[in-house]
């Protein structure tokens, strides 16, 4: 009669349990810091905005901005209203301040609701300044008229006053590129980054865990990316109306983004094993995603992190999707090249890892030489 002895696992040491709790809390703090840091440190600064009008009025605005550090706007001269509109549609500037007899502020809510809000606030301040100036001028005129009457003199009316009180200019705010009807606040286009990142990571993780063979994984990734691009855009654009523009082009952007992230996960896993999934996820979620600037202008992030974020898949894909949705005239070659580079890099890493693993498990030449003799025996 055999007796099986049950081995009772030894309790974990108190010190290790406490250390595990501290490390877990530290990891959570790092994750929270990675996501909160861009929002907490972002500020309205160096926003490219066009300006035109009388030199004295332009200089007055420049002097006011020069007193602020950092300056909220980076003013760029535009030749005319048409020039300003063209540069906004090409995503060279976020808006324009047009001074003169009929002052106007051009905004583009589709480019950035935060930037549009800042420019609307400037329009309000400009209107207040115009009203105050007109009020001061009118008060001075009335004071002169009253003084002349009291002195028994004929008051000298200012030129043009015979026709009545001069009309005070009204600052017009024009939204050159408005948001889609299904996304009035711009929250939808800002949140579009989440399905792109999540879809790509799911593709890479599932294909790595469930599919054997690097070539099969890459083929599965292409199918996954195309299907995800079509379905995500059908939901976001056709159903909820968050996106605009050519839905097929938007689907291509989403498919390329998902494929790029998935290729990175597959490549890192093939190169360094299961740990590669964790490394790729950490880089994507804790570094690339917070620096993507999907909901705010890139310039609002501390330098140089806004520009750095555009070299990762989330930043390039979010920027590209905004252009294809609302700005068909904007150049997009740089974003396409970034996504293509991540796809090619992921494929190269996967092939390198596949070759290395194949070489490690292949039998040695001397074993192959003795194998026929063993079989014959």
Protein backbone atom coordinates (compact mmCIF):
# COMPACT_ATOMS: atom_id res chain seq x y z
CA UNK A 1 0.00 0.00 0.00
CA UNK A 2 1.57 3.24 -1.13
CA UNK A 3 1.13 6.45 0.68
CA UNK A 4 1.30 9.74 -1.17
CA UNK A 5 2.54 12.54 0.96
CA UNK A 6 1.01 15.90 0.29
CA UNK A 7 3.53 18.72 0.28
CA UNK A 8 2.14 21.83 1.88
CA UNK A 9 3.47 24.96 0.21
CA UNK A 10 5.47 27.15 2.51
CA UNK A 11 4.01 30.56 3.28
CA UNK A 12 5.57 33.50 1.52
CA UNK A 13 7.92 35.50 3.67
CA UNK A 14 6.48 38.65 5.17
CA UNK A 15 9.23 40.80 3.74
CA UNK A 16 8.67 39.53 0.21
CA UNK A 17 4.92 40.09 0.47
CA UNK A 18 5.48 43.66 1.64
CA UNK A 19 8.07 44.25 -1.11
CA UNK A 20 5.65 42.92 -3.72
CA UNK A 21 3.00 45.35 -2.50
CA UNK A 22 5.41 48.27 -2.69
CA UNK A 23 6.57 47.31 -6.19
CA UNK A 24 2.98 46.91 -7.34
CA UNK A 25 2.05 50.35 -6.05
CA UNK A 26 5.17 51.79 -7.70
CA UNK A 27 4.18 50.27 -11.06
CA UNK A 28 0.67 51.71 -10.75
CA UNK A 29 2.14 55.12 -9.90
CA UNK A 30 4.38 54.97 -12.99
CA UNK A 31 1.41 54.08 -15.21
CA UNK A 32 -0.68 56.91 -13.77
CA UNK A 33 2.21 59.34 -14.15
CA UNK A 34 2.71 58.34 -17.79
CA UNK A 35 -0.91 59.06 -18.64
CA UNK A 36 -1.41 62.15 -16.48
CA UNK A 37 1.92 63.88 -17.12
CA UNK A 38 1.18 65.17 -20.67
CA UNK A 39 -2.17 66.61 -19.58
CA UNK A 40 -0.80 68.09 -16.37
CA UNK A 41 2.18 69.76 -18.07
CA UNK A 42 0.47 70.81 -21.29
CA UNK A 43 -0.12 74.53 -21.73
CA UNK A 44 -1.12 76.90 -24.51
CA UNK A 45 2.18 77.82 -26.07
CA UNK A 46 3.78 78.46 -29.45
CA UNK A 47 0.55 77.81 -31.38
CA UNK A 48 1.13 78.67 -35.07
CA UNK A 49 -1.43 81.35 -35.96
CA UNK A 50 -1.55 83.67 -38.97
CA UNK A 51 -1.97 87.42 -38.67
CA UNK A 52 -2.51 90.30 -41.08
CA UNK A 53 -3.61 93.92 -40.89
CA UNK A 54 -2.21 97.40 -40.26
CA UNK A 55 1.37 97.33 -39.01
CA UNK A 56 0.51 99.30 -35.88
CA UNK A 57 -2.26 96.89 -34.87
CA UNK A 58 -0.09 93.84 -35.57
CA UNK A 59 2.77 95.32 -33.53
CA UNK A 60 0.43 95.98 -30.63
CA UNK A 61 -0.60 92.30 -30.50
CA UNK A 62 3.01 91.17 -30.86
CA UNK A 63 4.02 93.40 -27.95
CA UNK A 64 1.31 91.90 -25.75
CA UNK A 65 2.41 88.35 -26.63
CA UNK A 66 6.07 89.20 -26.05
CA UNK A 67 5.28 89.97 -22.41
CA UNK A 68 4.09 86.39 -21.82
CA UNK A 69 6.49 83.51 -21.21
CA UNK A 70 5.93 81.21 -22.93
CA UNK A 71 4.03 83.02 -25.64
CA UNK A 72 0.69 81.33 -26.32
CA UNK A 73 0.89 82.12 -30.04
CA UNK A 74 3.60 81.94 -32.67
CA UNK A 75 2.39 84.57 -35.12
CA UNK A 76 3.06 84.09 -38.83
CA UNK A 77 2.29 86.78 -41.40
CA UNK A 78 -0.35 85.93 -44.01
CA UNK A 79 -0.93 87.92 -47.18
CA UNK A 80 -4.71 87.81 -47.20
CA UNK A 81 -7.77 85.98 -45.91
CA UNK A 82 -7.53 83.50 -48.79
CA UNK A 83 -3.89 82.83 -47.93
CA UNK A 84 -4.83 82.24 -44.29
CA UNK A 85 -7.63 79.81 -45.23
CA UNK A 86 -5.32 77.87 -47.54
CA UNK A 87 -2.65 77.52 -44.86
CA UNK A 88 -5.25 76.40 -42.32
CA UNK A 89 -6.54 73.74 -44.72
CA UNK A 90 -2.97 72.54 -45.24
CA UNK A 91 -2.49 72.36 -41.44
CA UNK A 92 0.36 74.85 -41.46
CA UNK A 93 -1.44 77.09 -38.94
CA UNK A 94 -4.32 76.54 -36.52
CA UNK A 95 -6.12 79.80 -37.27
CA UNK A 96 -5.62 83.45 -38.14
CA UNK A 97 -6.24 86.93 -36.75
CA UNK A 98 -7.26 89.36 -39.49
CA UNK A 99 -7.17 92.99 -38.37
CA UNK A 100 -8.53 96.04 -40.17
CA UNK A 101 -11.89 97.69 -40.75
CA UNK A 102 -13.66 94.33 -40.55
CA UNK A 103 -11.69 92.29 -37.99
CA UNK A 104 -12.09 88.52 -38.20
CA UNK A 105 -10.67 85.53 -36.37
CA UNK A 106 -10.43 82.26 -38.30
CA UNK A 107 -10.48 79.01 -36.34
CA UNK A 108 -10.47 75.31 -37.27
CA UNK A 109 -12.26 73.21 -34.70
CA UNK A 110 -11.35 70.04 -36.59
CA UNK A 111 -7.64 70.80 -36.19
CA UNK A 112 -7.92 71.18 -32.42
CA UNK A 113 -10.89 72.17 -30.26
CA UNK A 114 -8.43 73.45 -27.64
CA UNK A 115 -6.74 75.74 -30.16
CA UNK A 116 -10.10 76.93 -31.49
CA UNK A 117 -11.23 77.74 -27.96
CA UNK A 118 -8.07 79.74 -27.33
CA UNK A 119 -8.59 81.74 -30.52
CA UNK A 120 -12.23 82.40 -29.65
CA UNK A 121 -11.04 83.81 -26.33
CA UNK A 122 -8.65 86.08 -28.22
CA UNK A 123 -11.55 87.24 -30.41
CA UNK A 124 -13.49 88.15 -27.27
CA UNK A 125 -10.54 90.10 -25.89
CA UNK A 126 -10.09 91.86 -29.21
CA UNK A 127 -13.75 92.87 -29.26
CA UNK A 128 -13.47 94.19 -25.71
CA UNK A 129 -10.43 96.25 -26.69
CA UNK A 130 -12.26 97.69 -29.72
CA UNK A 131 -15.30 98.54 -27.61
CA UNK A 132 -13.14 100.21 -24.94
CA UNK A 133 -11.27 102.23 -27.57
CA UNK A 134 -14.51 103.32 -29.21
CA UNK A 135 -15.97 104.24 -25.83
CA UNK A 136 -12.92 106.33 -24.96
CA UNK A 137 -13.04 108.12 -28.31
CA UNK A 138 -16.77 108.80 -27.97
CA UNK A 139 -16.32 110.11 -24.42
CA UNK A 140 -13.54 112.43 -25.57
CA UNK A 141 -15.72 113.77 -28.39
CA UNK A 142 -18.69 114.39 -26.09
CA UNK A 143 -16.45 116.10 -23.55
CA UNK A 144 -15.11 118.42 -26.26
CA UNK A 145 -18.62 119.22 -27.50
CA UNK A 146 -19.89 120.00 -23.99
CA UNK A 147 -16.86 122.18 -23.29
CA UNK A 148 -17.36 124.12 -26.49
CA UNK A 149 -21.05 124.71 -25.73
CA UNK A 150 -20.26 125.88 -22.23
CA UNK A 151 -17.77 128.33 -23.66
CA UNK A 152 -20.38 129.63 -26.07
CA UNK A 153 -18.51 128.31 -29.08
CA UNK A 154 -19.70 126.26 -31.98
CA UNK A 155 -18.45 122.73 -31.38
CA UNK A 156 -16.28 121.21 -34.07
CA UNK A 157 -17.76 117.88 -35.04
CA UNK A 158 -15.29 115.18 -36.03
CA UNK A 159 -15.18 114.21 -39.67
CA UNK A 160 -17.97 111.77 -40.43
CA UNK A 161 -19.90 112.61 -37.28
CA UNK A 162 -22.66 114.40 -39.20
CA UNK A 163 -23.99 111.08 -40.37
CA UNK A 164 -24.43 109.82 -36.81
CA UNK A 165 -22.39 107.83 -34.35
CA UNK A 166 -19.64 105.82 -36.09
CA UNK A 167 -20.27 102.08 -36.27
CA UNK A 168 -18.10 100.08 -33.89
CA UNK A 169 -16.46 97.14 -35.72
CA UNK A 170 -17.61 93.66 -34.69
CA UNK A 171 -15.06 90.86 -34.56
CA UNK A 172 -16.34 87.92 -36.60
CA UNK A 173 -15.32 84.37 -35.72
CA UNK A 174 -15.38 81.93 -38.65
CA UNK A 175 -14.86 78.19 -38.29
CA UNK A 176 -13.03 77.33 -41.50
CA UNK A 177 -12.91 73.55 -40.88
CA UNK A 178 -15.68 72.56 -38.46
CA UNK A 179 -16.05 69.19 -36.77
CA UNK A 180 -18.38 66.47 -38.03
CA UNK A 181 -22.03 66.58 -36.98
CA UNK A 182 -21.57 63.54 -34.77
CA UNK A 183 -18.62 65.04 -32.89
CA UNK A 184 -19.57 68.60 -31.90
CA UNK A 185 -17.04 68.81 -29.06
CA UNK A 186 -14.15 67.03 -30.75
CA UNK A 187 -13.99 64.38 -28.03
CA UNK A 188 -14.65 61.63 -30.55
CA UNK A 189 -11.72 62.36 -32.84
CA UNK A 190 -9.51 62.74 -29.77
CA UNK A 191 -10.64 59.38 -28.42
CA UNK A 192 -10.14 57.66 -31.78
CA UNK A 193 -6.59 56.83 -30.73
CA UNK A 194 -7.81 54.25 -28.21
CA UNK A 195 -9.24 51.71 -30.69
CA UNK A 196 -6.17 52.09 -32.87
CA UNK A 197 -3.76 51.30 -30.04
CA UNK A 198 -5.95 48.61 -28.50
CA UNK A 199 -6.62 46.94 -31.85
CA UNK A 200 -2.94 46.78 -32.71
CA UNK A 201 -1.92 45.37 -29.34
CA UNK A 202 -4.69 42.76 -29.41
CA UNK A 203 -3.62 41.71 -32.90
CA UNK A 204 0.00 41.26 -31.89
CA UNK A 205 -0.72 39.48 -28.59
CA UNK A 206 -3.38 37.08 -29.93
CA UNK A 207 -1.40 36.14 -33.02
CA UNK A 208 1.74 35.59 -30.93
CA UNK A 209 -0.03 33.34 -28.44
CA UNK A 210 -2.36 31.44 -30.77
CA UNK A 211 -0.57 31.16 -34.12
CA UNK A 212 2.63 29.16 -34.66
CA UNK A 213 5.01 30.24 -37.40
CA UNK A 214 6.24 33.76 -38.00
CA UNK A 215 5.03 33.95 -41.60
CA UNK A 216 1.58 32.77 -40.58
CA UNK A 217 1.50 35.39 -37.85
CA UNK A 218 2.38 38.15 -40.28
CA UNK A 219 -0.23 36.99 -42.79
CA UNK A 220 -2.79 36.84 -39.99
CA UNK A 221 -1.76 40.34 -38.96
CA UNK A 222 -2.47 41.71 -42.45
CA UNK A 223 -5.93 40.11 -42.45
CA UNK A 224 -6.59 41.37 -38.92
CA UNK A 225 -5.47 44.90 -39.82
CA UNK A 226 -7.64 45.16 -42.93
CA UNK A 227 -10.70 43.78 -41.15
CA UNK A 228 -10.14 46.05 -38.13
CA UNK A 229 -9.71 49.10 -40.36
CA UNK A 230 -12.99 48.49 -42.17
CA UNK A 231 -15.02 47.63 -39.06
CA UNK A 232 -13.64 50.43 -36.85
CA UNK A 233 -14.29 53.09 -39.48
CA UNK A 234 -17.76 51.71 -40.21
CA UNK A 235 -18.57 52.13 -36.53
CA UNK A 236 -16.90 55.51 -36.02
CA UNK A 237 -17.86 57.16 -39.31
CA UNK A 238 -20.92 55.44 -40.74
CA UNK A 239 -22.63 54.73 -37.42
CA UNK A 240 -21.60 57.46 -34.94
CA UNK A 241 -20.54 60.11 -37.46
CA UNK A 242 -17.32 60.92 -35.59
CA UNK A 243 -15.07 60.85 -38.65
CA UNK A 244 -15.51 62.66 -41.95
CA UNK A 245 -13.96 62.49 -45.40
CA UNK A 246 -13.33 59.42 -47.55
CA UNK A 247 -14.21 56.42 -45.38
CA UNK A 248 -12.04 54.09 -47.47
CA UNK A 249 -8.98 56.29 -46.91
CA UNK A 250 -9.78 56.47 -43.19
CA UNK A 251 -10.05 52.67 -43.13
CA UNK A 252 -6.61 52.45 -44.74
CA UNK A 253 -5.19 54.68 -41.99
CA UNK A 254 -6.72 52.56 -39.23
CA UNK A 255 -5.62 49.32 -40.90
CA UNK A 256 -2.05 50.57 -41.29
CA UNK A 257 -1.96 51.77 -37.68
CA UNK A 258 -3.24 48.47 -36.30
CA UNK A 259 -0.80 46.55 -38.48
CA UNK A 260 2.14 48.71 -37.38
CA UNK A 261 1.48 48.20 -33.66
CA UNK A 262 0.79 44.49 -34.14
CA UNK A 263 3.99 44.03 -36.14
CA UNK A 264 5.99 45.64 -33.34
CA UNK A 265 4.49 43.28 -30.75
CA UNK A 266 5.08 40.20 -32.93
CA UNK A 267 8.62 41.29 -33.75
CA UNK A 268 9.61 41.93 -30.14
CA UNK A 269 8.09 38.61 -29.05
CA UNK A 270 9.99 36.72 -31.74
CA UNK A 271 13.21 38.49 -30.83
CA UNK A 272 13.27 38.13 -27.03
CA UNK A 273 10.47 35.68 -26.28
CA UNK A 274 7.32 36.21 -24.21
CA UNK A 275 8.94 39.17 -22.46
CA UNK A 276 8.79 40.98 -25.79
CA UNK A 277 5.03 41.32 -25.44
CA UNK A 278 5.49 43.19 -22.16
CA UNK A 279 8.25 45.39 -23.60
CA UNK A 280 6.21 46.30 -26.68
CA UNK A 281 3.12 46.98 -24.55
CA UNK A 282 5.10 49.19 -22.16
CA UNK A 283 6.63 51.23 -25.00
CA UNK A 284 3.29 51.62 -26.74
CA UNK A 285 1.11 52.38 -23.71
CA UNK A 286 3.49 54.20 -21.38
CA UNK A 287 5.62 56.18 -23.84
CA UNK A 288 4.04 56.42 -27.28
CA UNK A 289 0.39 56.78 -26.27
CA UNK A 290 0.83 59.68 -23.78
CA UNK A 291 3.04 61.57 -26.26
CA UNK A 292 0.64 61.16 -29.19
CA UNK A 293 -1.10 64.53 -28.57
CA UNK A 294 -4.32 63.16 -30.06
CA UNK A 295 -6.59 65.67 -28.30
CA UNK A 296 -4.32 68.74 -28.08
CA UNK A 297 -1.88 70.49 -30.41
CA UNK A 298 1.60 69.01 -30.47
CA UNK A 299 3.00 72.41 -29.50
CA UNK A 300 1.18 72.31 -26.16
CA UNK A 301 3.36 69.46 -24.87
CA UNK A 302 6.73 70.30 -23.29
CA UNK A 303 9.51 70.43 -25.88
CA UNK A 304 10.70 68.23 -27.46
CA UNK A 305 8.23 65.52 -26.40
CA UNK A 306 5.43 66.63 -28.70
CA UNK A 307 7.65 66.19 -31.75
CA UNK A 308 9.10 62.93 -30.39
CA UNK A 309 5.61 61.48 -30.00
CA UNK A 310 4.97 61.88 -33.73
CA UNK A 311 7.67 59.30 -34.49
CA UNK A 312 5.69 56.57 -32.73
CA UNK A 313 2.69 54.75 -34.16
CA UNK A 314 -0.02 56.38 -31.96
CA UNK A 315 1.11 59.93 -32.68
CA UNK A 316 1.56 59.40 -36.42
CA UNK A 317 -1.73 57.54 -36.82
CA UNK A 318 -3.78 60.07 -34.81
CA UNK A 319 -2.30 62.95 -36.78
CA UNK A 320 -2.84 61.13 -40.07
CA UNK A 321 -6.44 60.19 -39.30
CA UNK A 322 -7.27 63.82 -38.47
CA UNK A 323 -5.81 64.92 -41.81
CA UNK A 324 -7.62 62.32 -43.91
CA UNK A 325 -10.88 63.08 -42.11
CA UNK A 326 -10.86 66.89 -42.31
CA UNK A 327 -7.81 68.19 -44.18
CA UNK A 328 -7.49 66.50 -47.59
CA UNK A 329 -5.06 69.22 -48.76
CA UNK A 330 -2.63 68.67 -45.87
CA UNK A 331 0.62 66.78 -46.58
CA UNK A 332 0.59 63.28 -45.05
CA UNK A 333 3.71 61.65 -46.49
CA UNK A 334 5.64 61.87 -43.22
CA UNK A 335 2.93 60.04 -41.24
CA UNK A 336 2.60 57.27 -43.83
CA UNK A 337 6.38 56.78 -43.83
CA UNK A 338 6.48 56.55 -40.01
CA UNK A 339 3.79 53.85 -39.98
CA UNK A 340 5.47 51.99 -42.84
CA UNK A 341 8.80 52.10 -40.99
CA UNK A 342 7.25 50.50 -37.89
CA UNK A 343 5.69 47.76 -40.02
CA UNK A 344 8.98 47.03 -41.78
CA UNK A 345 10.85 47.15 -38.48
CA UNK A 346 8.43 44.70 -36.87
CA UNK A 347 8.75 42.29 -39.81
CA UNK A 348 12.55 42.47 -39.67
CA UNK A 349 12.57 41.77 -35.92
CA UNK A 350 10.21 38.84 -36.43
CA UNK A 351 12.39 37.32 -39.15
CA UNK A 352 15.57 37.79 -37.11
CA UNK A 353 13.97 36.14 -34.10
CA UNK A 354 12.62 33.31 -36.26
CA UNK A 355 16.05 32.57 -37.79
CA UNK A 356 17.76 32.65 -34.41
CA UNK A 357 15.23 30.32 -32.84
CA UNK A 358 15.44 27.94 -35.80
CA UNK A 359 19.22 27.83 -35.47
CA UNK A 360 19.00 27.07 -31.73
CA UNK A 361 16.66 24.09 -32.12
CA UNK A 362 18.30 22.64 -35.26
CA UNK A 363 20.34 19.42 -34.61
CA UNK A 364 24.09 19.67 -34.74
CA UNK A 365 25.85 18.38 -37.90
CA UNK A 366 27.52 15.49 -36.02
CA UNK A 367 24.11 14.30 -34.87
CA UNK A 368 22.90 14.22 -38.45
CA UNK A 369 25.91 12.12 -39.48
CA UNK A 370 25.28 9.42 -36.86
CA UNK A 371 21.52 9.32 -37.32
CA UNK A 372 21.53 6.78 -40.24
CA UNK A 373 23.68 4.36 -38.26
CA UNK A 374 21.32 4.48 -35.33
CA UNK A 375 18.37 3.81 -37.59
CA UNK A 376 20.14 0.86 -39.25
CA UNK A 377 20.94 -0.64 -35.88
